[in-house]
Amino acid sequence: YFLASVSAKLEVSPGMEFRAAYEEAKLLVPKAQVKLIDRPVSITIARMWAAISTWDKLKLCGTLVRDSLSLPTGEDLNEMVESLKHSDAMTDAILQFGAKYPLLLEP
């Protein structure tokens, strides 16, 4: 639901990042070998869930519920995407998330 909702607001379809990567790989000289693989999200979530404490699980659930009740508008999402293009915001977000849940950054 969330992905479909965000995709609709941004007017993009899920998986566009994979299509863009594929198109870019075709332009490389020598050509890059492209393997279309992705780990199921259920595995990632199960590993993350197992890594954190009960208290962190409660905090994470509370944060997810709170944040899901206030999804940004399509315009806000577009602004967020543009800011991600021009900064290292993703790394900053991961570091902030890791500061709150340090066990998630462990291998």
PDB file of N, CA and C in Angstrom:
ATOM      1  N   TYR A   1       0.820  -1.197   0.000  1.00  0.00           N
ATOM      2  CA  TYR A   1       0.000   0.000   0.000  1.00  0.00           C
ATOM      3  C   TYR A   1       0.863   1.260   0.000  1.00  0.00           C
ATOM      4  N   PHE A   2       1.874   1.285   0.889  1.00  0.00           N
ATOM      5  CA  PHE A   2       2.718   2.479   1.002  1.00  0.00           C
ATOM      6  C   PHE A   2       3.440   2.757  -0.311  1.00  0.00           C
ATOM      7  N   LEU A   3       4.067   1.722  -0.899  1.00  0.00           N
ATOM      8  CA  LEU A   3       4.811   1.909  -2.143  1.00  0.00           C
ATOM      9  C   LEU A   3       3.893   2.386  -3.257  1.00  0.00           C
ATOM     10  N   ALA A   4       2.719   1.787  -3.364  1.00  0.00           N
ATOM     11  CA  ALA A   4       1.774   2.201  -4.399  1.00  0.00           C
ATOM     12  C   ALA A   4       1.329   3.638  -4.182  1.00  0.00           C
ATOM     13  N   SER A   5       1.110   3.994  -2.925  1.00  0.00           N
ATOM     14  CA  SER A   5       0.680   5.351  -2.592  1.00  0.00           C
ATOM     15  C   SER A   5       1.758   6.373  -2.946  1.00  0.00           C
ATOM     16  N   VAL A   6       2.990   6.093  -2.538  1.00  0.00           N
ATOM     17  CA  VAL A   6       4.103   7.004  -2.839  1.00  0.00           C
ATOM     18  C   VAL A   6       4.337   7.071  -4.341  1.00  0.00           C
ATOM     19  N   SER A   7       4.313   5.922  -5.014  1.00  0.00           N
ATOM     20  CA  SER A   7       4.536   5.894  -6.467  1.00  0.00           C
ATOM     21  C   SER A   7       3.492   6.722  -7.201  1.00  0.00           C
ATOM     22  N   ALA A   8       2.256   6.617  -6.772  1.00  0.00           N
ATOM     23  CA  ALA A   8       1.189   7.381  -7.417  1.00  0.00           C
ATOM     24  C   ALA A   8       1.394   8.883  -7.220  1.00  0.00           C
ATOM     25  N   LYS A   9       1.790   9.276  -6.012  1.00  0.00           N
ATOM     26  CA  LYS A   9       1.995  10.695  -5.740  1.00  0.00           C
ATOM     27  C   LYS A   9       3.182  11.252  -6.516  1.00  0.00           C
ATOM     28  N   LEU A  10       4.202  10.432  -6.721  1.00  0.00           N
ATOM     29  CA  LEU A  10       5.382  10.883  -7.451  1.00  0.00           C
ATOM     30  C   LEU A  10       5.235  10.683  -8.954  1.00  0.00           C
ATOM     31  N   GLU A  11       4.168  10.026  -9.350  1.00  0.00           N
ATOM     32  CA  GLU A  11       3.915   9.709 -10.750  1.00  0.00           C
ATOM     33  C   GLU A  11       5.049   8.893 -11.356  1.00  0.00           C
ATOM     34  N   VAL A  12       5.484   7.876 -10.603  1.00  0.00           N
ATOM     35  CA  VAL A  12       6.492   6.930 -11.077  1.00  0.00           C
ATOM     36  C   VAL A  12       5.974   5.530 -10.798  1.00  0.00           C
ATOM     37  N   SER A  13       6.539   4.554 -11.486  1.00  0.00           N
ATOM     38  CA  SER A  13       6.130   3.185 -11.218  1.00  0.00           C
ATOM     39  C   SER A  13       7.205   2.479 -10.410  1.00  0.00           C
ATOM     40  N   PRO A  14       6.792   1.533  -9.558  1.00  0.00           N
ATOM     41  CA  PRO A  14       7.779   0.792  -8.765  1.00  0.00           C
ATOM     42  C   PRO A  14       8.800   0.107  -9.669  1.00  0.00           C
ATOM     43  N   GLY A  15      10.051   0.108  -9.243  1.00  0.00           N
ATOM     44  CA  GLY A  15      11.102  -0.546 -10.008  1.00  0.00           C
ATOM     45  C   GLY A  15      11.788   0.346 -11.020  1.00  0.00           C
ATOM     46  N   MET A  16      11.417   1.617 -11.072  1.00  0.00           N
ATOM     47  CA  MET A  16      12.034   2.516 -12.060  1.00  0.00           C
ATOM     48  C   MET A  16      13.534   2.652 -11.838  1.00  0.00           C
ATOM     49  N   GLU A  17      13.973   2.543 -10.557  1.00  0.00           N
ATOM     50  CA  GLU A  17      15.408   2.659 -10.287  1.00  0.00           C
ATOM     51  C   GLU A  17      16.166   1.502 -10.931  1.00  0.00           C
ATOM     52  N   PHE A  18      15.535   0.318 -10.993  1.00  0.00           N
ATOM     53  CA  PHE A  18      16.177  -0.821 -11.642  1.00  0.00           C
ATOM     54  C   PHE A  18      16.230  -0.618 -13.155  1.00  0.00           C
ATOM     55  N   ARG A  19      15.144  -0.082 -13.713  1.00  0.00           N
ATOM     56  CA  ARG A  19      15.128   0.183 -15.164  1.00  0.00           C
ATOM     57  C   ARG A  19      16.184   1.224 -15.529  1.00  0.00           C
ATOM     58  N   ALA A  20      16.288   2.269 -14.713  1.00  0.00           N
ATOM     59  CA  ALA A  20      17.281   3.320 -14.975  1.00  0.00           C
ATOM     60  C   ALA A  20      18.693   2.754 -14.888  1.00  0.00           C
ATOM     61  N   ALA A  21      18.950   1.909 -13.894  1.00  0.00           N
ATOM     62  CA  ALA A  21      20.275   1.297 -13.750  1.00  0.00           C
ATOM     63  C   ALA A  21      20.584   0.410 -14.949  1.00  0.00           C
ATOM     64  N   TYR A  22      19.597  -0.312 -15.421  1.00  0.00           N
ATOM     65  CA  TYR A  22      19.792  -1.179 -16.584  1.00  0.00           C
ATOM     66  C   TYR A  22      20.130  -0.355 -17.825  1.00  0.00           C
ATOM     67  N   GLU A  23      19.395   0.720 -18.031  1.00  0.00           N
ATOM     68  CA  GLU A  23      19.650   1.577 -19.192  1.00  0.00           C
ATOM     69  C   GLU A  23      21.048   2.192 -19.123  1.00  0.00           C
ATOM     70  N   GLU A  24      21.474   2.621 -17.950  1.00  0.00           N
ATOM     71  CA  GLU A  24      22.810   3.185 -17.783  1.00  0.00           C
ATOM     72  C   GLU A  24      23.886   2.127 -18.020  1.00  0.00           C
ATOM     73  N   ALA A  25      23.655   0.917 -17.543  1.00  0.00           N
ATOM     74  CA  ALA A  25      24.633  -0.164 -17.720  1.00  0.00           C
ATOM     75  C   ALA A  25      24.820  -0.492 -19.195  1.00  0.00           C
ATOM     76  N   LYS A  26      23.757  -0.375 -19.993  1.00  0.00           N
ATOM     77  CA  LYS A  26      23.868  -0.655 -21.433  1.00  0.00           C
ATOM     78  C   LYS A  26      24.759   0.360 -22.141  1.00  0.00           C
ATOM     79  N   LEU A  27      24.903   1.556 -21.559  1.00  0.00           N
ATOM     80  CA  LEU A  27      25.704   2.613 -22.183  1.00  0.00           C
ATOM     81  C   LEU A  27      27.195   2.492 -21.886  1.00  0.00           C
ATOM     82  N   LEU A  28      27.545   1.675 -20.896  1.00  0.00           N
ATOM     83  CA  LEU A  28      28.945   1.558 -20.493  1.00  0.00           C
ATOM     84  C   LEU A  28      29.776   0.851 -21.566  1.00  0.00           C
ATOM     85  N   VAL A  29      31.014   1.284 -21.665  1.00  0.00           N
ATOM     86  CA  VAL A  29      31.957   0.636 -22.583  1.00  0.00           C
ATOM     87  C   VAL A  29      33.160   0.227 -21.758  1.00  0.00           C
ATOM     88  N   PRO A  30      33.544  -1.011 -21.646  1.00  0.00           N
ATOM     89  CA  PRO A  30      32.832  -2.162 -22.205  1.00  0.00           C
ATOM     90  C   PRO A  30      31.510  -2.365 -21.477  1.00  0.00           C
ATOM     91  N   LYS A  31      30.606  -3.053 -22.160  1.00  0.00           N
ATOM     92  CA  LYS A  31      29.280  -3.261 -21.591  1.00  0.00           C
ATOM     93  C   LYS A  31      29.353  -3.975 -20.254  1.00  0.00           C
ATOM     94  N   ALA A  32      28.534  -3.536 -19.338  1.00  0.00           N
ATOM     95  CA  ALA A  32      28.476  -4.164 -18.015  1.00  0.00           C
ATOM     96  C   ALA A  32      27.534  -5.361 -18.070  1.00  0.00           C
ATOM     97  N   GLN A  33      27.878  -6.372 -17.307  1.00  0.00           N
ATOM     98  CA  GLN A  33      26.982  -7.517 -17.186  1.00  0.00           C
ATOM     99  C   GLN A  33      25.919  -7.150 -16.160  1.00  0.00           C
ATOM    100  N   VAL A  34      24.663  -7.283 -16.540  1.00  0.00           N
ATOM    101  CA  VAL A  34      23.566  -6.891 -15.660  1.00  0.00           C
ATOM    102  C   VAL A  34      22.874  -8.141 -15.143  1.00  0.00           C
ATOM    103  N   LYS A  35      22.727  -8.194 -13.832  1.00  0.00           N
ATOM    104  CA  LYS A  35      21.999  -9.299 -13.206  1.00  0.00           C
ATOM    105  C   LYS A  35      20.824  -8.693 -12.462  1.00  0.00           C
ATOM    106  N   LEU A  36      19.632  -9.065 -12.878  1.00  0.00           N
ATOM    107  CA  LEU A  36      18.425  -8.515 -12.283  1.00  0.00           C
ATOM    108  C   LEU A  36      18.031  -9.366 -11.077  1.00  0.00           C
ATOM    109  N   ILE A  37      18.586  -8.993  -9.935  1.00  0.00           N
ATOM    110  CA  ILE A  37      18.307  -9.736  -8.707  1.00  0.00           C
ATOM    111  C   ILE A  37      17.941  -8.749  -7.606  1.00  0.00           C
ATOM    112  N   ASP A  38      17.196  -9.228  -6.666  1.00  0.00           N
ATOM    113  CA  ASP A  38      16.832  -8.418  -5.511  1.00  0.00           C
ATOM    114  C   ASP A  38      16.455  -9.384  -4.401  1.00  0.00           C
ATOM    115  N   ARG A  39      16.953  -9.118  -3.218  1.00  0.00           N
ATOM    116  CA  ARG A  39      16.626  -9.970  -2.083  1.00  0.00           C
ATOM    117  C   ARG A  39      15.192  -9.657  -1.660  1.00  0.00           C
ATOM    118  N   PRO A  40      14.413 -10.689  -1.355  1.00  0.00           N
ATOM    119  CA  PRO A  40      13.047 -10.425  -0.883  1.00  0.00           C
ATOM    120  C   PRO A  40      13.066  -9.550   0.370  1.00  0.00           C
ATOM    121  N   VAL A  41      12.177  -8.581   0.411  1.00  0.00           N
ATOM    122  CA  VAL A  41      12.137  -7.652   1.538  1.00  0.00           C
ATOM    123  C   VAL A  41      11.825  -8.391   2.834  1.00  0.00           C
ATOM    124  N   SER A  42      11.129  -9.503   2.762  1.00  0.00           N
ATOM    125  CA  SER A  42      10.804 -10.261   3.979  1.00  0.00           C
ATOM    126  C   SER A  42      12.069 -10.754   4.675  1.00  0.00           C
ATOM    127  N   ILE A  43      13.092 -11.092   3.906  1.00  0.00           N
ATOM    128  CA  ILE A  43      14.363 -11.534   4.498  1.00  0.00           C
ATOM    129  C   ILE A  43      15.044 -10.356   5.199  1.00  0.00           C
ATOM    130  N   THR A  44      15.077  -9.211   4.538  1.00  0.00           N
ATOM    131  CA  THR A  44      15.689  -8.021   5.134  1.00  0.00           C
ATOM    132  C   THR A  44      14.979  -7.639   6.428  1.00  0.00           C
ATOM    133  N   ILE A  45      13.654  -7.640   6.403  1.00  0.00           N
ATOM    134  CA  ILE A  45      12.888  -7.261   7.594  1.00  0.00           C
ATOM    135  C   ILE A  45      13.083  -8.280   8.711  1.00  0.00           C
ATOM    136  N   ALA A  46      13.095  -9.566   8.384  1.00  0.00           N
ATOM    137  CA  ALA A  46      13.291 -10.595   9.409  1.00  0.00           C
ATOM    138  C   ALA A  46      14.666 -10.452  10.065  1.00  0.00           C
ATOM    139  N   ARG A  47      15.694 -10.179   9.283  1.00  0.00           N
ATOM    140  CA  ARG A  47      17.036  -9.998   9.838  1.00  0.00           C
ATOM    141  C   ARG A  47      17.092  -8.752  10.725  1.00  0.00           C
ATOM    142  N   MET A  48      16.473  -7.681  10.276  1.00  0.00           N
ATOM    143  CA  MET A  48      16.451  -6.456  11.059  1.00  0.00           C
ATOM    144  C   MET A  48      15.709  -6.689  12.376  1.00  0.00           C
ATOM    145  N   TRP A  49      14.552  -7.328  12.302  1.00  0.00           N
ATOM    146  CA  TRP A  49      13.724  -7.563  13.478  1.00  0.00           C
ATOM    147  C   TRP A  49      14.466  -8.411  14.514  1.00  0.00           C
ATOM    148  N   ALA A  50      15.180  -9.423  14.045  1.00  0.00           N
ATOM    149  CA  ALA A  50      15.925 -10.303  14.953  1.00  0.00           C
ATOM    150  C   ALA A  50      17.084  -9.570  15.623  1.00  0.00           C
ATOM    151  N   ALA A  51      17.573  -8.524  14.974  1.00  0.00           N
ATOM    152  CA  ALA A  51      18.769  -7.835  15.473  1.00  0.00           C
ATOM    153  C   ALA A  51      18.481  -6.827  16.575  1.00  0.00           C
ATOM    154  N   ILE A  52      17.239  -6.400  16.721  1.00  0.00           N
ATOM    155  CA  ILE A  52      16.975  -5.329  17.677  1.00  0.00           C
ATOM    156  C   ILE A  52      16.268  -5.850  18.933  1.00  0.00           C
ATOM    157  N   SER A  53      16.411  -5.081  20.005  1.00  0.00           N
ATOM    158  CA  SER A  53      15.837  -5.467  21.298  1.00  0.00           C
ATOM    159  C   SER A  53      14.321  -5.270  21.300  1.00  0.00           C
ATOM    160  N   THR A  54      13.682  -5.811  22.303  1.00  0.00           N
ATOM    161  CA  THR A  54      12.230  -5.653  22.448  1.00  0.00           C
ATOM    162  C   THR A  54      11.864  -4.178  22.571  1.00  0.00           C
ATOM    163  N   TRP A  55      12.625  -3.421  23.349  1.00  0.00           N
ATOM    164  CA  TRP A  55      12.364  -1.987  23.507  1.00  0.00           C
ATOM    165  C   TRP A  55      12.480  -1.265  22.164  1.00  0.00           C
ATOM    166  N   ASP A  56      13.518  -1.596  21.390  1.00  0.00           N
ATOM    167  CA  ASP A  56      13.676  -0.973  20.078  1.00  0.00           C
ATOM    168  C   ASP A  56      12.546  -1.372  19.138  1.00  0.00           C
ATOM    169  N   LYS A  57      12.058  -2.606  19.248  1.00  0.00           N
ATOM    170  CA  LYS A  57      10.925  -3.046  18.426  1.00  0.00           C
ATOM    171  C   LYS A  57       9.696  -2.197  18.741  1.00  0.00           C
ATOM    172  N   LEU A  58       9.454  -1.949  20.024  1.00  0.00           N
ATOM    173  CA  LEU A  58       8.308  -1.119  20.419  1.00  0.00           C
ATOM    174  C   LEU A  58       8.468   0.312  19.902  1.00  0.00           C
ATOM    175  N   LYS A  59       9.667   0.876  20.049  1.00  0.00           N
ATOM    176  CA  LYS A  59       9.912   2.241  19.558  1.00  0.00           C
ATOM    177  C   LYS A  59       9.730   2.312  18.041  1.00  0.00           C
ATOM    178  N   LEU A  60      10.262   1.320  17.336  1.00  0.00           N
ATOM    179  CA  LEU A  60      10.161   1.303  15.877  1.00  0.00           C
ATOM    180  C   LEU A  60       8.706   1.202  15.430  1.00  0.00           C
ATOM    181  N   CYS A  61       7.949   0.317  16.061  1.00  0.00           N
ATOM    182  CA  CYS A  61       6.527   0.180  15.711  1.00  0.00           C
ATOM    183  C   CYS A  61       5.780   1.483  15.968  1.00  0.00           C
ATOM    184  N   GLY A  62       6.051   2.110  17.095  1.00  0.00           N
ATOM    185  CA  GLY A  62       5.406   3.386  17.399  1.00  0.00           C
ATOM    186  C   GLY A  62       5.738   4.450  16.377  1.00  0.00           C
ATOM    187  N   THR A  63       6.996   4.515  15.983  1.00  0.00           N
ATOM    188  CA  THR A  63       7.426   5.490  14.982  1.00  0.00           C
ATOM    189  C   THR A  63       6.760   5.225  13.641  1.00  0.00           C
ATOM    190  N   LEU A  64       6.693   3.960  13.239  1.00  0.00           N
ATOM    191  CA  LEU A  64       6.075   3.614  11.955  1.00  0.00           C
ATOM    192  C   LEU A  64       4.590   3.957  11.939  1.00  0.00           C
ATOM    193  N   VAL A  65       3.897   3.665  13.039  1.00  0.00           N
ATOM    194  CA  VAL A  65       2.470   3.992  13.112  1.00  0.00           C
ATOM    195  C   VAL A  65       2.280   5.502  13.053  1.00  0.00           C
ATOM    196  N   ARG A  66       3.052   6.240  13.849  1.00  0.00           N
ATOM    197  CA  ARG A  66       2.934   7.699  13.860  1.00  0.00           C
ATOM    198  C   ARG A  66       3.210   8.289  12.472  1.00  0.00           C
ATOM    199  N   ASP A  67       4.298   7.833  11.847  1.00  0.00           N
ATOM    200  CA  ASP A  67       4.676   8.386  10.544  1.00  0.00           C
ATOM    201  C   ASP A  67       3.708   7.987   9.435  1.00  0.00           C
ATOM    202  N   SER A  68       3.116   6.804   9.525  1.00  0.00           N
ATOM    203  CA  SER A  68       2.194   6.373   8.473  1.00  0.00           C
ATOM    204  C   SER A  68       0.882   7.152   8.513  1.00  0.00           C
ATOM    205  N   LEU A  69       0.575   7.740   9.648  1.00  0.00           N
ATOM    206  CA  LEU A  69      -0.648   8.538   9.757  1.00  0.00           C
ATOM    207  C   LEU A  69      -0.485   9.930   9.162  1.00  0.00           C
ATOM    208  N   SER A  70       0.733  10.308   8.849  1.00  0.00           N
ATOM    209  CA  SER A  70       0.965  11.646   8.306  1.00  0.00           C
ATOM    210  C   SER A  70       1.841  11.574   7.060  1.00  0.00           C
ATOM    211  N   LEU A  71       1.368  10.850   6.043  1.00  0.00           N
ATOM    212  CA  LEU A  71       2.123  10.751   4.792  1.00  0.00           C
ATOM    213  C   LEU A  71       2.196  12.117   4.126  1.00  0.00           C
ATOM    214  N   PRO A  72       3.338  12.454   3.555  1.00  0.00           N
ATOM    215  CA  PRO A  72       3.475  13.756   2.885  1.00  0.00           C
ATOM    216  C   PRO A  72       2.657  13.819   1.596  1.00  0.00           C
ATOM    217  N   THR A  73       2.375  15.030   1.157  1.00  0.00           N
ATOM    218  CA  THR A  73       1.650  15.232  -0.097  1.00  0.00           C
ATOM    219  C   THR A  73       2.563  14.906  -1.276  1.00  0.00           C
ATOM    220  N   GLY A  74       1.996  14.812  -2.449  1.00  0.00           N
ATOM    221  CA  GLY A  74       2.787  14.554  -3.642  1.00  0.00           C
ATOM    222  C   GLY A  74       3.833  15.625  -3.882  1.00  0.00           C
ATOM    223  N   GLU A  75       3.469  16.876  -3.636  1.00  0.00           N
ATOM    224  CA  GLU A  75       4.416  17.982  -3.807  1.00  0.00           C
ATOM    225  C   GLU A  75       5.572  17.861  -2.815  1.00  0.00           C
ATOM    226  N   ASP A  76       5.235  17.522  -1.563  1.00  0.00           N
ATOM    227  CA  ASP A  76       6.281  17.341  -0.551  1.00  0.00           C
ATOM    228  C   ASP A  76       7.209  16.190  -0.924  1.00  0.00           C
ATOM    229  N   LEU A  77       6.628  15.104  -1.448  1.00  0.00           N
ATOM    230  CA  LEU A  77       7.447  13.961  -1.860  1.00  0.00           C
ATOM    231  C   LEU A  77       8.392  14.342  -2.997  1.00  0.00           C
ATOM    232  N   ASN A  78       7.884  15.116  -3.955  1.00  0.00           N
ATOM    233  CA  ASN A  78       8.742  15.556  -5.062  1.00  0.00           C
ATOM    234  C   ASN A  78       9.895  16.411  -4.554  1.00  0.00           C
ATOM    235  N   GLU A  79       9.629  17.287  -3.587  1.00  0.00           N
ATOM    236  CA  GLU A  79      10.691  18.114  -3.007  1.00  0.00           C
ATOM    237  C   GLU A  79      11.720  17.247  -2.292  1.00  0.00           C
ATOM    238  N   MET A  80      11.241  16.220  -1.582  1.00  0.00           N
ATOM    239  CA  MET A  80      12.151  15.314  -0.879  1.00  0.00           C
ATOM    240  C   MET A  80      13.041  14.570  -1.870  1.00  0.00           C
ATOM    241  N   VAL A  81      12.464  14.114  -2.966  1.00  0.00           N
ATOM    242  CA  VAL A  81      13.236  13.399  -3.982  1.00  0.00           C
ATOM    243  C   VAL A  81      14.284  14.318  -4.590  1.00  0.00           C
ATOM    244  N   GLU A  82      13.905  15.546  -4.899  1.00  0.00           N
ATOM    245  CA  GLU A  82      14.861  16.501  -5.461  1.00  0.00           C
ATOM    246  C   GLU A  82      16.004  16.769  -4.491  1.00  0.00           C
ATOM    247  N   SER A  83      15.696  16.892  -3.197  1.00  0.00           N
ATOM    248  CA  SER A  83      16.768  17.138  -2.228  1.00  0.00           C
ATOM    249  C   SER A  83      17.693  15.928  -2.125  1.00  0.00           C
ATOM    250  N   LEU A  84      17.148  14.729  -2.305  1.00  0.00           N
ATOM    251  CA  LEU A  84      17.989  13.535  -2.283  1.00  0.00           C
ATOM    252  C   LEU A  84      18.944  13.503  -3.472  1.00  0.00           C
ATOM    253  N   LYS A  85      18.501  14.033  -4.598  1.00  0.00           N
ATOM    254  CA  LYS A  85      19.338  14.055  -5.800  1.00  0.00           C
ATOM    255  C   LYS A  85      20.546  14.973  -5.629  1.00  0.00           C
ATOM    256  N   HIS A  86      20.410  15.995  -4.785  1.00  0.00           N
ATOM    257  CA  HIS A  86      21.446  17.014  -4.684  1.00  0.00           C
ATOM    258  C   HIS A  86      22.239  16.968  -3.383  1.00  0.00           C
ATOM    259  N   SER A  87      22.067  15.909  -2.630  1.00  0.00           N
ATOM    260  CA  SER A  87      22.822  15.802  -1.386  1.00  0.00           C
ATOM    261  C   SER A  87      23.049  14.338  -1.063  1.00  0.00           C
ATOM    262  N   ASP A  88      23.741  14.114   0.026  1.00  0.00           N
ATOM    263  CA  ASP A  88      23.946  12.752   0.488  1.00  0.00           C
ATOM    264  C   ASP A  88      22.938  12.461   1.596  1.00  0.00           C
ATOM    265  N   ALA A  89      21.688  12.835   1.330  1.00  0.00           N
ATOM    266  CA  ALA A  89      20.633  12.712   2.331  1.00  0.00           C
ATOM    267  C   ALA A  89      20.380  11.264   2.718  1.00  0.00           C
ATOM    268  N   MET A  90      20.542  10.337   1.769  1.00  0.00           N
ATOM    269  CA  MET A  90      20.297   8.931   2.087  1.00  0.00           C
ATOM    270  C   MET A  90      21.292   8.441   3.133  1.00  0.00           C
ATOM    271  N   THR A  91      22.550   8.787   2.960  1.00  0.00           N
ATOM    272  CA  THR A  91      23.562   8.407   3.952  1.00  0.00           C
ATOM    273  C   THR A  91      23.244   9.047   5.293  1.00  0.00           C
ATOM    274  N   ASP A  92      22.840  10.317   5.272  1.00  0.00           N
ATOM    275  CA  ASP A  92      22.467  10.995   6.514  1.00  0.00           C
ATOM    276  C   ASP A  92      21.294  10.295   7.194  1.00  0.00           C
ATOM    277  N   ALA A  93      20.300   9.896   6.407  1.00  0.00           N
ATOM    278  CA  ALA A  93      19.132   9.218   6.980  1.00  0.00           C
ATOM    279  C   ALA A  93      19.524   7.873   7.596  1.00  0.00           C
ATOM    280  N   ILE A  94      20.383   7.131   6.915  1.00  0.00           N
ATOM    281  CA  ILE A  94      20.827   5.837   7.440  1.00  0.00           C
ATOM    282  C   ILE A  94      21.613   6.033   8.731  1.00  0.00           C
ATOM    283  N   LEU A  95      22.458   7.043   8.770  1.00  0.00           N
ATOM    284  CA  LEU A  95      23.226   7.315   9.987  1.00  0.00           C
ATOM    285  C   LEU A  95      22.320   7.731  11.141  1.00  0.00           C
ATOM    286  N   GLN A  96      21.301   8.529  10.853  1.00  0.00           N
ATOM    287  CA  GLN A  96      20.359   8.929  11.898  1.00  0.00           C
ATOM    288  C   GLN A  96      19.577   7.721  12.402  1.00  0.00           C
ATOM    289  N   PHE A  97      19.147   6.870  11.476  1.00  0.00           N
ATOM    290  CA  PHE A  97      18.416   5.664  11.852  1.00  0.00           C
ATOM    291  C   PHE A  97      19.330   4.745  12.663  1.00  0.00           C
ATOM    292  N   GLY A  98      20.581   4.648  12.235  1.00  0.00           N
ATOM    293  CA  GLY A  98      21.553   3.827  12.953  1.00  0.00           C
ATOM    294  C   GLY A  98      21.862   4.362  14.336  1.00  0.00           C
ATOM    295  N   ALA A  99      21.822   5.690  14.498  1.00  0.00           N
ATOM    296  CA  ALA A  99      22.047   6.271  15.821  1.00  0.00           C
ATOM    297  C   ALA A  99      20.910   5.902  16.767  1.00  0.00           C
ATOM    298  N   LYS A 100      19.708   5.826  16.227  1.00  0.00           N
ATOM    299  CA  LYS A 100      18.546   5.484  17.040  1.00  0.00           C
ATOM    300  C   LYS A 100      18.473   3.980  17.300  1.00  0.00           C
ATOM    301  N   TYR A 101      18.887   3.177  16.320  1.00  0.00           N
ATOM    302  CA  TYR A 101      18.857   1.711  16.402  1.00  0.00           C
ATOM    303  C   TYR A 101      20.221   1.163  15.984  1.00  0.00           C
ATOM    304  N   PRO A 102      21.250   1.286  16.819  1.00  0.00           N
ATOM    305  CA  PRO A 102      22.615   0.928  16.435  1.00  0.00           C
ATOM    306  C   PRO A 102      22.800  -0.534  16.023  1.00  0.00           C
ATOM    307  N   LEU A 103      22.009  -1.435  16.545  1.00  0.00           N
ATOM    308  CA  LEU A 103      22.160  -2.844  16.173  1.00  0.00           C
ATOM    309  C   LEU A 103      21.860  -3.090  14.693  1.00  0.00           C
ATOM    310  N   LEU A 104      21.105  -2.203  14.073  1.00  0.00           N
ATOM    311  CA  LEU A 104      20.777  -2.386  12.663  1.00  0.00           C
ATOM    312  C   LEU A 104      21.972  -2.131  11.743  1.00  0.00           C
ATOM    313  N   LEU A 105      22.964  -1.414  12.234  1.00  0.00           N
ATOM    314  CA  LEU A 105      24.131  -1.121  11.404  1.00  0.00           C
ATOM    315  C   LEU A 105      25.189  -2.217  11.500  1.00  0.00           C
ATOM    316  N   GLU A 106      25.008  -3.146  12.396  1.00  0.00           N
ATOM    317  CA  GLU A 106      25.978  -4.231  12.499  1.00  0.00           C
ATOM    318  C   GLU A 106      25.760  -5.222  11.367  1.00  0.00           C
ATOM    319  N   PRO A 107      26.840  -5.815  10.861  1.00  0.00           N
ATOM    320  CA  PRO A 107      26.688  -6.776   9.746  1.00  0.00           C
ATOM    321  C   PRO A 107      25.931  -8.024  10.151  1.00  0.00           C
TER     322      PRO A 107
END
